[in-house]
Amino acid sequence: MEILKPLHTLSTPAFSPNYDNKIFKKFSVRTLDEKLINKMAFQQELGLVAEKKIPLICIPDGMSDESGGEIFNEVIPGILSMECQILVRGIGSKKYGEMLTDLANKYPHKIKIVKDDEVLRRKMYAACDMSLFFSKNPDEIVNCMAYGAVPICFDQEGATDFDPVQESGNAFAASSDSSWSLFAAIVRACETFRLPYDWKTIQKQAMESVKITA
């Protein structure tokens, strides 16, 4: 199995689930099963169906033209056709805020906007199975990895695409900058999520690939 190296830059997350008193249940690589307590509790808090088998995906960048809005527009119909729940951090532009509010009203069982509040942000990291990025944001990727919210992103330093044969990797990385390549990575992530052993492996490797300090 490949030994993942820590990120060379921005390698210390802002928060850590080992020490976080604001999430529902602290957890670490060794107690990763307790992440599910955070997931189901936050699903309930947000009014979603509390179901551990449904992939819970966060978009921690919010949405704007600068953070990949055009790509978001291209892939969101496909995402909405999949069995998943989506949390969007409440930051970004007014245009996308209105669009996401409309989507959340239309699909209340599927999309929730999470207020941009530090405690809710940490609960989101702790709850989510995956984190979806439409542009490069090393700080947020590191935070998500620290909490086992596996990144789905465009290829970038520190995000190693998961290889099921070698059981290596800490993310699902798009092979090109196209929206369809990113959508393919989303599909691969959701398919892998159905395989508990493989999913726990990649979560652990994501958490272990960032440097966590007390």
C-alpha atoms as a PDB file:
ATOM      1  CA  MET A   1       0.000   0.000   0.000  1.00  0.00           C
ATOM      2  CA  GLU A   2       1.307   3.448  -0.912  1.00  0.00           C
ATOM      3  CA  ILE A   3       2.401   5.609   2.004  1.00  0.00           C
ATOM      4  CA  LEU A   4       0.894   9.046   1.503  1.00  0.00           C
ATOM      5  CA  LYS A   5       3.079  12.033   2.217  1.00  0.00           C
ATOM      6  CA  PRO A   6       1.622  15.034   4.049  1.00  0.00           C
ATOM      7  CA  LEU A   7       0.767  18.082   1.981  1.00  0.00           C
ATOM      8  CA  HIS A   8       3.862  20.193   1.406  1.00  0.00           C
ATOM      9  CA  THR A   9       2.040  23.471   2.033  1.00  0.00           C
ATOM     10  CA  LEU A  10      -0.888  24.431   4.251  1.00  0.00           C
ATOM     11  CA  SER A  11      -0.591  21.024   5.865  1.00  0.00           C
ATOM     12  CA  THR A  12      -2.074  21.858   9.268  1.00  0.00           C
ATOM     13  CA  PRO A  13      -5.889  21.983   9.324  1.00  0.00           C
ATOM     14  CA  ALA A  14      -7.643  24.786  11.153  1.00  0.00           C
ATOM     15  CA  PHE A  15      -9.565  22.241  13.240  1.00  0.00           C
ATOM     16  CA  SER A  16      -9.243  18.591  14.196  1.00  0.00           C
ATOM     17  CA  PRO A  17     -11.937  16.023  15.063  1.00  0.00           C
ATOM     18  CA  ASN A  18      -9.708  14.584  17.802  1.00  0.00           C
ATOM     19  CA  TYR A  19     -10.013  17.749  19.879  1.00  0.00           C
ATOM     20  CA  ASP A  20     -13.152  19.431  18.551  1.00  0.00           C
ATOM     21  CA  ASN A  21     -15.627  20.154  21.371  1.00  0.00           C
ATOM     22  CA  LYS A  22     -18.173  21.652  18.966  1.00  0.00           C
ATOM     23  CA  ILE A  23     -19.006  18.531  16.975  1.00  0.00           C
ATOM     24  CA  PHE A  24     -21.448  15.902  18.204  1.00  0.00           C
ATOM     25  CA  LYS A  25     -18.784  13.260  18.866  1.00  0.00           C
ATOM     26  CA  LYS A  26     -14.987  13.518  18.733  1.00  0.00           C
ATOM     27  CA  PHE A  27     -13.278  10.918  16.557  1.00  0.00           C
ATOM     28  CA  SER A  28      -9.927   9.986  15.073  1.00  0.00           C
ATOM     29  CA  VAL A  29      -8.532   7.524  12.544  1.00  0.00           C
ATOM     30  CA  ARG A  30      -8.733   4.838  15.232  1.00  0.00           C
ATOM     31  CA  THR A  31     -12.360   5.651  16.115  1.00  0.00           C
ATOM     32  CA  LEU A  32     -13.597   6.496  12.619  1.00  0.00           C
ATOM     33  CA  ASP A  33     -16.910   4.653  13.100  1.00  0.00           C
ATOM     34  CA  GLU A  34     -17.941   7.451  15.470  1.00  0.00           C
ATOM     35  CA  LYS A  35     -17.978   9.858  12.529  1.00  0.00           C
ATOM     36  CA  LEU A  36     -21.384   8.302  11.732  1.00  0.00           C
ATOM     37  CA  ILE A  37     -22.753   9.755  14.981  1.00  0.00           C
ATOM     38  CA  ASN A  38     -21.885  13.202  13.637  1.00  0.00           C
ATOM     39  CA  LYS A  39     -23.411  12.445  10.263  1.00  0.00           C
ATOM     40  CA  MET A  40     -26.776  11.243  11.501  1.00  0.00           C
ATOM     41  CA  ALA A  41     -27.056  13.930  14.181  1.00  0.00           C
ATOM     42  CA  PHE A  42     -26.341  16.707  11.682  1.00  0.00           C
ATOM     43  CA  GLN A  43     -28.745  15.214   9.140  1.00  0.00           C
ATOM     44  CA  GLN A  44     -31.443  15.385  11.811  1.00  0.00           C
ATOM     45  CA  GLU A  45     -30.469  18.924  12.822  1.00  0.00           C
ATOM     46  CA  LEU A  46     -30.828  20.090   9.215  1.00  0.00           C
ATOM     47  CA  GLY A  47     -34.107  18.291   8.605  1.00  0.00           C
ATOM     48  CA  LEU A  48     -32.663  15.653   6.282  1.00  0.00           C
ATOM     49  CA  VAL A  49     -33.381  11.942   6.429  1.00  0.00           C
ATOM     50  CA  ALA A  50     -30.884  10.513   8.929  1.00  0.00           C
ATOM     51  CA  GLU A  51     -29.512   7.654   6.858  1.00  0.00           C
ATOM     52  CA  LYS A  52     -25.909   6.508   7.023  1.00  0.00           C
ATOM     53  CA  LYS A  53     -26.069   4.774   3.634  1.00  0.00           C
ATOM     54  CA  ILE A  54     -26.863   7.975   1.715  1.00  0.00           C
ATOM     55  CA  PRO A  55     -23.684   9.840   0.676  1.00  0.00           C
ATOM     56  CA  LEU A  56     -23.546  13.236   2.389  1.00  0.00           C
ATOM     57  CA  ILE A  57     -21.564  15.700   0.256  1.00  0.00           C
ATOM     58  CA  CYS A  58     -20.541  19.210   1.253  1.00  0.00           C
ATOM     59  CA  ILE A  59     -19.559  22.112  -0.994  1.00  0.00           C
ATOM     60  CA  PRO A  60     -17.386  24.058   1.479  1.00  0.00           C
ATOM     61  CA  ASP A  61     -16.502  26.892  -0.921  1.00  0.00           C
ATOM     62  CA  GLY A  62     -20.064  28.005  -1.365  1.00  0.00           C
ATOM     63  CA  MET A  63     -20.592  29.061  -4.968  1.00  0.00           C
ATOM     64  CA  SER A  64     -19.596  31.957  -7.212  1.00  0.00           C
ATOM     65  CA  ASP A  65     -18.214  32.400 -10.706  1.00  0.00           C
ATOM     66  CA  GLU A  66     -14.710  32.493  -9.193  1.00  0.00           C
ATOM     67  CA  SER A  67     -15.195  29.227  -7.287  1.00  0.00           C
ATOM     68  CA  GLY A  68     -16.336  27.245 -10.313  1.00  0.00           C
ATOM     69  CA  GLY A  69     -19.921  28.325 -10.837  1.00  0.00           C
ATOM     70  CA  GLU A  70     -19.949  27.507 -14.545  1.00  0.00           C
ATOM     71  CA  ILE A  71     -18.855  23.932 -13.856  1.00  0.00           C
ATOM     72  CA  PHE A  72     -21.390  23.684 -11.042  1.00  0.00           C
ATOM     73  CA  ASN A  73     -24.157  24.649 -13.488  1.00  0.00           C
ATOM     74  CA  GLU A  74     -23.056  21.894 -15.853  1.00  0.00           C
ATOM     75  CA  VAL A  75     -22.904  19.072 -13.315  1.00  0.00           C
ATOM     76  CA  ILE A  76     -25.678  19.882 -10.827  1.00  0.00           C
ATOM     77  CA  PRO A  77     -28.454  18.216 -12.911  1.00  0.00           C
ATOM     78  CA  GLY A  78     -26.471  14.977 -12.881  1.00  0.00           C
ATOM     79  CA  ILE A  79     -25.757  15.247  -9.156  1.00  0.00           C
ATOM     80  CA  LEU A  80     -29.447  15.791  -8.411  1.00  0.00           C
ATOM     81  CA  SER A  81     -30.266  12.579 -10.280  1.00  0.00           C
ATOM     82  CA  MET A  82     -28.051  10.583  -7.912  1.00  0.00           C
ATOM     83  CA  GLU A  83     -28.891   9.260  -4.463  1.00  0.00           C
ATOM     84  CA  CYS A  84     -27.076  11.734  -2.240  1.00  0.00           C
ATOM     85  CA  GLN A  85     -27.575  14.687   0.066  1.00  0.00           C
ATOM     86  CA  ILE A  86     -25.784  17.997  -0.521  1.00  0.00           C
ATOM     87  CA  LEU A  87     -24.747  20.662   1.983  1.00  0.00           C
ATOM     88  CA  VAL A  88     -23.610  24.036   0.637  1.00  0.00           C
ATOM     89  CA  ARG A  89     -21.750  26.457   2.867  1.00  0.00           C
ATOM     90  CA  GLY A  90     -23.591  29.778   2.823  1.00  0.00           C
ATOM     91  CA  ILE A  91     -20.933  31.902   1.171  1.00  0.00           C
ATOM     92  CA  GLY A  92     -20.510  33.051  -2.417  1.00  0.00           C
ATOM     93  CA  SER A  93     -22.240  35.401  -4.795  1.00  0.00           C
ATOM     94  CA  LYS A  94     -25.831  36.634  -4.681  1.00  0.00           C
ATOM     95  CA  LYS A  95     -26.580  35.036  -8.053  1.00  0.00           C
ATOM     96  CA  TYR A  96     -25.653  31.564  -6.860  1.00  0.00           C
ATOM     97  CA  GLY A  97     -27.167  32.155  -3.443  1.00  0.00           C
ATOM     98  CA  GLU A  98     -30.534  32.727  -5.081  1.00  0.00           C
ATOM     99  CA  MET A  99     -30.068  29.719  -7.351  1.00  0.00           C
ATOM    100  CA  LEU A 100     -29.145  27.448  -4.454  1.00  0.00           C
ATOM    101  CA  THR A 101     -32.036  28.729  -2.357  1.00  0.00           C
ATOM    102  CA  ASP A 102     -34.393  27.844  -5.200  1.00  0.00           C
ATOM    103  CA  LEU A 103     -32.850  24.375  -5.476  1.00  0.00           C
ATOM    104  CA  ALA A 104     -33.062  23.865  -1.699  1.00  0.00           C
ATOM    105  CA  ASN A 105     -36.758  24.807  -1.797  1.00  0.00           C
ATOM    106  CA  LYS A 106     -37.371  22.469  -4.728  1.00  0.00           C
ATOM    107  CA  TYR A 107     -35.354  19.572  -3.283  1.00  0.00           C
ATOM    108  CA  PRO A 108     -35.652  19.972   0.528  1.00  0.00           C
ATOM    109  CA  HIS A 109     -34.831  16.288   1.044  1.00  0.00           C
ATOM    110  CA  LYS A 110     -31.610  16.650  -0.934  1.00  0.00           C
ATOM    111  CA  ILE A 111     -30.042  20.125  -0.586  1.00  0.00           C
ATOM    112  CA  LYS A 112     -29.468  22.290   2.479  1.00  0.00           C
ATOM    113  CA  ILE A 113     -27.618  25.594   2.782  1.00  0.00           C
ATOM    114  CA  VAL A 114     -25.461  25.664   5.921  1.00  0.00           C
ATOM    115  CA  LYS A 115     -25.076  29.084   7.508  1.00  0.00           C
ATOM    116  CA  ASP A 116     -21.505  30.381   7.412  1.00  0.00           C
ATOM    117  CA  ASP A 117     -20.862  29.899  11.100  1.00  0.00           C
ATOM    118  CA  GLU A 118     -17.694  28.346  12.548  1.00  0.00           C
ATOM    119  CA  VAL A 119     -19.499  25.761  14.677  1.00  0.00           C
ATOM    120  CA  LEU A 120     -21.783  24.709  11.827  1.00  0.00           C
ATOM    121  CA  ARG A 121     -18.778  24.564   9.532  1.00  0.00           C
ATOM    122  CA  ARG A 122     -17.030  22.134  11.863  1.00  0.00           C
ATOM    123  CA  LYS A 123     -20.188  20.059  12.216  1.00  0.00           C
ATOM    124  CA  MET A 124     -20.386  19.933   8.426  1.00  0.00           C
ATOM    125  CA  TYR A 125     -16.812  18.659   8.104  1.00  0.00           C
ATOM    126  CA  ALA A 126     -17.453  16.036  10.779  1.00  0.00           C
ATOM    127  CA  ALA A 127     -20.735  14.876   9.253  1.00  0.00           C
ATOM    128  CA  CYS A 128     -19.927  14.707   5.549  1.00  0.00           C
ATOM    129  CA  ASP A 129     -18.629  11.669   3.742  1.00  0.00           C
ATOM    130  CA  MET A 130     -17.301  13.733   0.833  1.00  0.00           C
ATOM    131  CA  SER A 131     -16.328  17.308   0.021  1.00  0.00           C
ATOM    132  CA  LEU A 132     -16.829  18.628  -3.501  1.00  0.00           C
ATOM    133  CA  PHE A 133     -14.586  21.335  -4.988  1.00  0.00           C
ATOM    134  CA  PHE A 134     -15.140  23.131  -8.279  1.00  0.00           C
ATOM    135  CA  SER A 135     -11.916  25.130  -7.975  1.00  0.00           C
ATOM    136  CA  LYS A 136      -8.644  24.741  -6.095  1.00  0.00           C
ATOM    137  CA  ASN A 137      -8.754  25.612  -2.403  1.00  0.00           C
ATOM    138  CA  PRO A 138      -5.897  23.936  -0.466  1.00  0.00           C
ATOM    139  CA  ASP A 139      -7.003  25.267   2.925  1.00  0.00           C
ATOM    140  CA  GLU A 140     -10.496  23.814   2.700  1.00  0.00           C
ATOM    141  CA  ILE A 141      -9.299  20.532   1.213  1.00  0.00           C
ATOM    142  CA  VAL A 142      -6.971  20.078   4.178  1.00  0.00           C
ATOM    143  CA  ASN A 143      -9.778  20.822   6.656  1.00  0.00           C
ATOM    144  CA  CYS A 144     -12.066  18.325   4.947  1.00  0.00           C
ATOM    145  CA  MET A 145      -9.384  15.642   4.848  1.00  0.00           C
ATOM    146  CA  ALA A 146      -8.725  16.099   8.567  1.00  0.00           C
ATOM    147  CA  TYR A 147     -12.364  15.204   9.296  1.00  0.00           C
ATOM    148  CA  GLY A 148     -12.535  12.308   6.825  1.00  0.00           C
ATOM    149  CA  ALA A 149     -14.693  14.202   4.303  1.00  0.00           C
ATOM    150  CA  VAL A 150     -12.989  12.755   1.222  1.00  0.00           C
ATOM    151  CA  PRO A 151     -12.272  15.432  -1.429  1.00  0.00           C
ATOM    152  CA  ILE A 152     -13.653  15.242  -4.957  1.00  0.00           C
ATOM    153  CA  CYS A 153     -11.637  17.805  -6.873  1.00  0.00           C
ATOM    154  CA  PHE A 154      -9.546  18.706  -9.861  1.00  0.00           C
ATOM    155  CA  ASP A 155      -6.027  17.319  -9.852  1.00  0.00           C
ATOM    156  CA  GLN A 156      -3.793  19.269  -7.466  1.00  0.00           C
ATOM    157  CA  GLU A 157      -0.910  18.822  -5.064  1.00  0.00           C
ATOM    158  CA  GLY A 158      -1.790  16.670  -2.077  1.00  0.00           C
ATOM    159  CA  ALA A 159      -4.929  15.152  -3.617  1.00  0.00           C
ATOM    160  CA  THR A 160      -4.013  11.659  -4.795  1.00  0.00           C
ATOM    161  CA  ASP A 161      -6.636   9.885  -6.858  1.00  0.00           C
ATOM    162  CA  PHE A 162      -7.890   6.689  -5.237  1.00  0.00           C
ATOM    163  CA  ASP A 163      -6.644   3.497  -6.897  1.00  0.00           C
ATOM    164  CA  PRO A 164      -8.844   0.552  -5.833  1.00  0.00           C
ATOM    165  CA  VAL A 165      -6.303  -2.005  -7.049  1.00  0.00           C
ATOM    166  CA  GLN A 166      -3.451  -0.582  -4.982  1.00  0.00           C
ATOM    167  CA  GLU A 167      -5.823   0.627  -2.232  1.00  0.00           C
ATOM    168  CA  SER A 168      -3.983   3.948  -2.342  1.00  0.00           C
ATOM    169  CA  GLY A 169      -5.087   7.563  -2.569  1.00  0.00           C
ATOM    170  CA  ASN A 170      -6.841  10.161  -0.435  1.00  0.00           C
ATOM    171  CA  ALA A 171      -9.249  11.780  -2.912  1.00  0.00           C
ATOM    172  CA  PHE A 172     -11.191  11.383  -6.139  1.00  0.00           C
ATOM    173  CA  ALA A 173      -9.321  13.631  -8.546  1.00  0.00           C
ATOM    174  CA  ALA A 174     -10.598  14.618 -11.977  1.00  0.00           C
ATOM    175  CA  SER A 175      -8.144  13.742 -14.718  1.00  0.00           C
ATOM    176  CA  SER A 176      -8.755  16.977 -16.645  1.00  0.00           C
ATOM    177  CA  ASP A 177     -10.257  20.427 -16.066  1.00  0.00           C
ATOM    178  CA  SER A 178     -13.541  19.530 -17.775  1.00  0.00           C
ATOM    179  CA  SER A 179     -16.883  19.393 -15.985  1.00  0.00           C
ATOM    180  CA  TRP A 180     -17.449  15.863 -17.230  1.00  0.00           C
ATOM    181  CA  SER A 181     -14.175  14.670 -15.757  1.00  0.00           C
ATOM    182  CA  LEU A 182     -15.231  16.098 -12.401  1.00  0.00           C
ATOM    183  CA  PHE A 183     -18.662  14.513 -12.709  1.00  0.00           C
ATOM    184  CA  ALA A 184     -16.998  11.157 -13.424  1.00  0.00           C
ATOM    185  CA  ALA A 185     -15.006  11.601 -10.191  1.00  0.00           C
ATOM    186  CA  ILE A 186     -18.266  12.275  -8.307  1.00  0.00           C
ATOM    187  CA  VAL A 187     -19.784   9.086  -9.727  1.00  0.00           C
ATOM    188  CA  ARG A 188     -16.678   7.071  -8.786  1.00  0.00           C
ATOM    189  CA  ALA A 189     -16.797   8.445  -5.257  1.00  0.00           C
ATOM    190  CA  CYS A 190     -20.460   7.539  -4.813  1.00  0.00           C
ATOM    191  CA  GLU A 191     -19.876   4.055  -6.226  1.00  0.00           C
ATOM    192  CA  THR A 192     -16.905   3.505  -3.905  1.00  0.00           C
ATOM    193  CA  PHE A 193     -18.983   4.732  -0.950  1.00  0.00           C
ATOM    194  CA  ARG A 194     -21.117   1.599  -1.359  1.00  0.00           C
ATOM    195  CA  LEU A 195     -18.032  -0.500  -0.517  1.00  0.00           C
ATOM    196  CA  PRO A 196     -17.504   0.009   3.244  1.00  0.00           C
ATOM    197  CA  TYR A 197     -13.991  -1.439   3.422  1.00  0.00           C
ATOM    198  CA  ASP A 198     -12.695   0.622   0.509  1.00  0.00           C
ATOM    199  CA  TRP A 199     -14.423   3.742   1.781  1.00  0.00           C
ATOM    200  CA  LYS A 200     -12.960   3.465   5.251  1.00  0.00           C
ATOM    201  CA  THR A 201      -9.527   2.929   3.697  1.00  0.00           C
ATOM    202  CA  ILE A 202      -9.668   6.147   1.704  1.00  0.00           C
ATOM    203  CA  GLN A 203     -11.101   8.098   4.670  1.00  0.00           C
ATOM    204  CA  LYS A 204      -8.214   6.948   6.846  1.00  0.00           C
ATOM    205  CA  GLN A 205      -5.681   7.845   4.174  1.00  0.00           C
ATOM    206  CA  ALA A 206      -7.228  11.285   3.796  1.00  0.00           C
ATOM    207  CA  MET A 207      -7.017  11.894   7.536  1.00  0.00           C
ATOM    208  CA  GLU A 208      -3.468  10.530   7.778  1.00  0.00           C
ATOM    209  CA  SER A 209      -2.214  12.645   4.875  1.00  0.00           C
ATOM    210  CA  VAL A 210      -2.591  15.921   6.771  1.00  0.00           C
ATOM    211  CA  LYS A 211      -0.630  17.013   9.809  1.00  0.00           C
ATOM    212  CA  ILE A 212      -2.863  17.429  12.842  1.00  0.00           C
ATOM    213  CA  THR A 213      -1.603  19.256  15.897  1.00  0.00           C
ATOM    214  CA  ALA A 214      -3.264  19.697  19.268  1.00  0.00           C
END
